[in-house]
C-alpha atoms as a PDB file:
ATOM      1  CA  MET A   1      13.235  12.218  -2.853  1.00  0.00           C
ATOM      2  CA  THR A   2      12.425   8.461  -3.594  1.00  0.00           C
ATOM      3  CA  SER A   3      14.064   7.740  -6.964  1.00  0.00           C
ATOM      4  CA  LEU A   4      11.179   5.078  -8.257  1.00  0.00           C
ATOM      5  CA  LYS A   5      11.781   2.466 -10.550  1.00  0.00           C
ATOM      6  CA  VAL A   6      10.154  -0.190 -12.679  1.00  0.00           C
ATOM      7  CA  GLY A   7       9.424  -3.388 -10.912  1.00  0.00           C
ATOM      8  CA  ASP A   8       8.660  -0.973  -7.734  1.00  0.00           C
ATOM      9  CA  LYS A   9       5.505  -0.649  -6.140  1.00  0.00           C
ATOM     10  CA  ALA A  10       3.753   2.849  -7.466  1.00  0.00           C
ATOM     11  CA  PRO A  11       2.907   4.435  -4.200  1.00  0.00           C
ATOM     12  CA  ASP A  12      -0.751   5.042  -3.106  1.00  0.00           C
ATOM     13  CA  PHE A  13      -2.099   9.372  -3.007  1.00  0.00           C
ATOM     14  CA  ALA A  14      -5.273  10.360  -2.795  1.00  0.00           C
ATOM     15  CA  LEU A  15      -5.555  14.221  -4.800  1.00  0.00           C
ATOM     16  CA  PRO A  16      -8.707  16.409  -5.412  1.00  0.00           C
ATOM     17  CA  SER A  17      -9.595  16.263  -8.944  1.00  0.00           C
ATOM     18  CA  ALA A  18     -10.862  19.105 -11.051  1.00  0.00           C
ATOM     19  CA  ASP A  19     -14.376  18.646  -9.439  1.00  0.00           C
ATOM     20  CA  GLY A  20     -13.118  18.255  -5.823  1.00  0.00           C
ATOM     21  CA  LYS A  21     -13.402  14.881  -5.893  1.00  0.00           C
ATOM     22  CA  ILE A  22     -10.587  13.027  -3.370  1.00  0.00           C
ATOM     23  CA  VAL A  23      -9.126  10.426  -6.268  1.00  0.00           C
ATOM     24  CA  ARG A  24      -6.779   7.561  -5.288  1.00  0.00           C
ATOM     25  CA  LEU A  25      -4.502   5.595  -6.936  1.00  0.00           C
ATOM     26  CA  SER A  26      -5.785   2.284  -5.145  1.00  0.00           C
ATOM     27  CA  ASP A  27      -8.875   3.065  -6.688  1.00  0.00           C
ATOM     28  CA  PHE A  28      -8.290   1.453  -9.542  1.00  0.00           C
ATOM     29  CA  LEU A  29      -5.879  -1.220  -8.423  1.00  0.00           C
ATOM     30  CA  GLY A  30      -7.749  -4.898  -9.220  1.00  0.00           C
ATOM     31  CA  LYS A  31      -9.158  -2.819 -11.922  1.00  0.00           C
ATOM     32  CA  LYS A  32      -7.167  -1.043 -14.476  1.00  0.00           C
ATOM     33  CA  ALA A  33      -3.756  -0.383 -15.367  1.00  0.00           C
ATOM     34  CA  VAL A  34      -3.066   3.523 -14.912  1.00  0.00           C
ATOM     35  CA  VAL A  35      -1.360   6.262 -16.751  1.00  0.00           C
ATOM     36  CA  LEU A  36      -0.129   8.642 -14.851  1.00  0.00           C
ATOM     37  CA  PHE A  37       1.462  11.556 -16.071  1.00  0.00           C
ATOM     38  CA  PHE A  38       3.344  14.254 -13.880  1.00  0.00           C
ATOM     39  CA  TYR A  39       3.556  17.739 -16.063  1.00  0.00           C
ATOM     40  CA  PRO A  40       4.499  21.232 -15.393  1.00  0.00           C
ATOM     41  CA  LYS A  41       1.605  23.522 -16.129  1.00  0.00           C
ATOM     42  CA  ASP A  42      -2.022  24.045 -17.330  1.00  0.00           C
ATOM     43  CA  ASP A  43      -2.167  25.619 -20.317  1.00  0.00           C
ATOM     44  CA  THR A  44       1.096  26.252 -21.573  1.00  0.00           C
ATOM     45  CA  PRO A  45       2.455  24.914 -25.144  1.00  0.00           C
ATOM     46  CA  GLY A  46       4.017  21.761 -24.483  1.00  0.00           C
ATOM     47  CA  CYS A  47       1.466  20.614 -21.608  1.00  0.00           C
ATOM     48  CA  THR A  48      -1.555  21.358 -23.763  1.00  0.00           C
ATOM     49  CA  ILE A  49      -0.081  19.137 -26.861  1.00  0.00           C
ATOM     50  CA  GLU A  50       0.688  16.654 -24.048  1.00  0.00           C
ATOM     51  CA  SER A  51      -2.604  16.269 -22.482  1.00  0.00           C
ATOM     52  CA  CYS A  52      -4.599  16.865 -26.128  1.00  0.00           C
ATOM     53  CA  THR A  53      -2.583  14.229 -27.448  1.00  0.00           C
ATOM     54  CA  PHE A  54      -3.882  12.147 -24.438  1.00  0.00           C
ATOM     55  CA  ARG A  55      -7.344  13.156 -25.338  1.00  0.00           C
ATOM     56  CA  ASP A  56      -7.299  11.804 -28.635  1.00  0.00           C
ATOM     57  CA  ASN A  57      -5.717   8.460 -27.655  1.00  0.00           C
ATOM     58  CA  TYR A  58      -7.994   8.249 -24.429  1.00  0.00           C
ATOM     59  CA  GLN A  59     -10.487   5.638 -26.302  1.00  0.00           C
ATOM     60  CA  VAL A  60      -7.619   3.327 -26.953  1.00  0.00           C
ATOM     61  CA  PHE A  61      -6.348   3.500 -23.140  1.00  0.00           C
ATOM     62  CA  GLN A  62      -9.711   2.599 -22.125  1.00  0.00           C
ATOM     63  CA  GLU A  63      -9.952  -0.343 -24.731  1.00  0.00           C
ATOM     64  CA  ALA A  64      -6.990  -1.224 -23.563  1.00  0.00           C
ATOM     65  CA  GLY A  65      -7.896  -1.292 -19.936  1.00  0.00           C
ATOM     66  CA  ALA A  66      -5.955   1.534 -18.692  1.00  0.00           C
ATOM     67  CA  GLU A  67      -7.166   4.854 -17.294  1.00  0.00           C
ATOM     68  CA  VAL A  68      -4.988   8.166 -17.941  1.00  0.00           C
ATOM     69  CA  ILE A  69      -4.366  10.555 -14.806  1.00  0.00           C
ATOM     70  CA  GLY A  70      -2.727  13.722 -15.097  1.00  0.00           C
ATOM     71  CA  ILE A  71      -1.289  15.818 -12.131  1.00  0.00           C
ATOM     72  CA  SER A  72      -0.047  19.065 -12.047  1.00  0.00           C
ATOM     73  CA  SER A  73       0.605  22.005  -8.789  1.00  0.00           C
ATOM     74  CA  ASP A  74      -2.595  24.058 -10.532  1.00  0.00           C
ATOM     75  CA  SER A  75      -5.418  24.496  -8.900  1.00  0.00           C
ATOM     76  CA  PRO A  76      -8.732  22.418  -9.324  1.00  0.00           C
ATOM     77  CA  GLN A  77      -9.997  25.264 -10.565  1.00  0.00           C
ATOM     78  CA  SER A  78      -7.229  25.594 -12.963  1.00  0.00           C
ATOM     79  CA  HIS A  79      -7.536  22.137 -14.013  1.00  0.00           C
ATOM     80  CA  ARG A  80     -11.116  22.507 -14.568  1.00  0.00           C
ATOM     81  CA  GLN A  81     -10.749  25.728 -17.398  1.00  0.00           C
ATOM     82  CA  PHE A  82      -8.141  23.733 -18.398  1.00  0.00           C
ATOM     83  CA  ALA A  83     -10.008  20.130 -19.022  1.00  0.00           C
ATOM     84  CA  SER A  84     -13.060  22.593 -20.306  1.00  0.00           C
ATOM     85  CA  LYS A  85     -11.157  24.589 -22.655  1.00  0.00           C
ATOM     86  CA  TYR A  86      -9.381  21.206 -24.526  1.00  0.00           C
ATOM     87  CA  GLN A  87     -12.449  18.955 -23.661  1.00  0.00           C
ATOM     88  CA  LEU A  88     -10.225  16.653 -21.458  1.00  0.00           C
ATOM     89  CA  PRO A  89     -11.957  13.545 -20.411  1.00  0.00           C
ATOM     90  CA  PHE A  90      -9.223  11.962 -17.945  1.00  0.00           C
ATOM     91  CA  PRO A  91      -8.917  13.352 -14.410  1.00  0.00           C
ATOM     92  CA  LEU A  92      -6.574  16.236 -13.306  1.00  0.00           C
ATOM     93  CA  LEU A  93      -5.342  16.122  -9.824  1.00  0.00           C
ATOM     94  CA  SER A  94      -3.986  18.972  -7.912  1.00  0.00           C
ATOM     95  CA  ASP A  95      -0.736  18.026  -5.935  1.00  0.00           C
ATOM     96  CA  GLU A  96      -0.505  21.953  -4.841  1.00  0.00           C
ATOM     97  CA  ASP A  97       2.170  21.221  -2.332  1.00  0.00           C
ATOM     98  CA  ASN A  98       4.134  19.105  -5.037  1.00  0.00           C
ATOM     99  CA  ARG A  99       3.418  15.924  -2.181  1.00  0.00           C
ATOM    100  CA  VAL A 100       2.916  13.314  -4.891  1.00  0.00           C
ATOM    101  CA  ARG A 101       5.664  14.827  -7.171  1.00  0.00           C
ATOM    102  CA  LYS A 102       8.328  14.222  -4.443  1.00  0.00           C
ATOM    103  CA  LEU A 103       7.161  10.567  -3.571  1.00  0.00           C
ATOM    104  CA  TYR A 104       6.981   9.566  -6.719  1.00  0.00           C
ATOM    105  CA  GLY A 105      10.612  10.737  -7.283  1.00  0.00           C
ATOM    106  CA  VAL A 106       9.367  13.437 -10.279  1.00  0.00           C
ATOM    107  CA  PRO A 107      12.462  16.008 -10.769  1.00  0.00           C
ATOM    108  CA  ASN A 108      12.785  19.608 -11.838  1.00  0.00           C
ATOM    109  CA  THR A 109      14.388  20.397 -14.868  1.00  0.00           C
ATOM    110  CA  LEU A 110      16.692  23.171 -15.928  1.00  0.00           C
ATOM    111  CA  PHE A 111      16.485  23.452 -12.172  1.00  0.00           C
ATOM    112  CA  PHE A 112      12.960  25.030 -11.330  1.00  0.00           C
ATOM    113  CA  ILE A 113      10.524  23.793 -14.324  1.00  0.00           C
ATOM    114  CA  PRO A 114       8.820  20.901 -12.859  1.00  0.00           C
ATOM    115  CA  GLY A 115       9.540  17.755 -14.765  1.00  0.00           C
ATOM    116  CA  ARG A 116       7.260  16.096 -17.354  1.00  0.00           C
ATOM    117  CA  VAL A 117       7.583  12.004 -16.535  1.00  0.00           C
ATOM    118  CA  THR A 118       4.807   9.174 -16.899  1.00  0.00           C
ATOM    119  CA  TYR A 119       4.783   6.249 -15.151  1.00  0.00           C
ATOM    120  CA  VAL A 120       2.592   2.834 -16.501  1.00  0.00           C
ATOM    121  CA  ILE A 121       1.235   1.025 -14.075  1.00  0.00           C
ATOM    122  CA  ASP A 122      -0.366  -1.809 -14.059  1.00  0.00           C
ATOM    123  CA  LYS A 123      -3.985  -3.253 -12.485  1.00  0.00           C
ATOM    124  CA  ASP A 124      -1.415  -4.916  -9.254  1.00  0.00           C
ATOM    125  CA  GLY A 125       0.335  -1.159  -8.625  1.00  0.00           C
ATOM    126  CA  ILE A 126       3.504  -2.225 -10.155  1.00  0.00           C
ATOM    127  CA  ILE A 127       5.765   0.341 -12.293  1.00  0.00           C
ATOM    128  CA  ARG A 128       5.928  -1.171 -15.732  1.00  0.00           C
ATOM    129  CA  HIS A 129       7.561   1.720 -17.252  1.00  0.00           C
ATOM    130  CA  ILE A 130       8.859   5.502 -16.523  1.00  0.00           C
ATOM    131  CA  PHE A 131       9.276   8.138 -19.516  1.00  0.00           C
ATOM    132  CA  ASN A 132      11.133  11.106 -18.863  1.00  0.00           C
ATOM    133  CA  SER A 133      11.684  13.333 -21.413  1.00  0.00           C
ATOM    134  CA  LEU A 134      10.174  17.967 -21.410  1.00  0.00           C
ATOM    135  CA  LEU A 135      10.139  18.216 -24.559  1.00  0.00           C
ATOM    136  CA  ASP A 136       9.536  14.927 -26.422  1.00  0.00           C
ATOM    137  CA  VAL A 137       5.980  15.757 -25.120  1.00  0.00           C
ATOM    138  CA  LYS A 138       4.056  13.088 -27.717  1.00  0.00           C
ATOM    139  CA  ALA A 139       6.588  10.194 -27.452  1.00  0.00           C
ATOM    140  CA  HIS A 140       5.097  10.287 -23.388  1.00  0.00           C
ATOM    141  CA  VAL A 141       1.392   8.788 -24.983  1.00  0.00           C
ATOM    142  CA  GLN A 142       3.413   6.573 -27.295  1.00  0.00           C
ATOM    143  CA  GLU A 143       5.372   4.765 -24.712  1.00  0.00           C
ATOM    144  CA  ALA A 144       2.565   4.860 -22.534  1.00  0.00           C
ATOM    145  CA  LEU A 145       0.342   3.422 -25.707  1.00  0.00           C
ATOM    146  CA  LYS A 146       2.741   0.866 -26.579  1.00  0.00           C
ATOM    147  CA  THR A 147       3.477  -0.343 -22.574  1.00  0.00           C
ATOM    148  CA  ILE A 148      -0.126  -0.895 -22.203  1.00  0.00           C
ATOM    149  CA  GLN A 149      -0.755  -2.987 -24.976  1.00  0.00           C
ATOM    150  CA  SER A 150       1.694  -5.292 -24.275  1.00  0.00           C
ATOM    151  CA  LEU A 151       0.801  -5.780 -20.498  1.00  0.00           C
END
């Protein structure tokens, strides 16, 4: 597993979104900063709070020139249901084989629960902030917003 750190170039990836469209990190380079949040599972208590907190602050991220993208190992169909249920306005990408999770070095927590890590990536593709906390779900949004606003 790669261990990325602040200042590293974020690895590009291509994953299907809830609507089946392939989304690449490189689609945003030169245009927008990206807040990439890896989360354990659709429609679970912590992940729902985190996703809805990103939703509630989405306009602020957009105004600051950033796109928010969620990634988990759930299927595109699961993402469609989750996004619809909670009116999530940002892409949810399906990393069913955990390839991108491994590429970014997102660790498992308690040996088997997929970790919750947020990366803030600037327009040039450089990682500017990494926040790792399974339980402090709202802090992912606060930390990302603070970093985006300082870019």
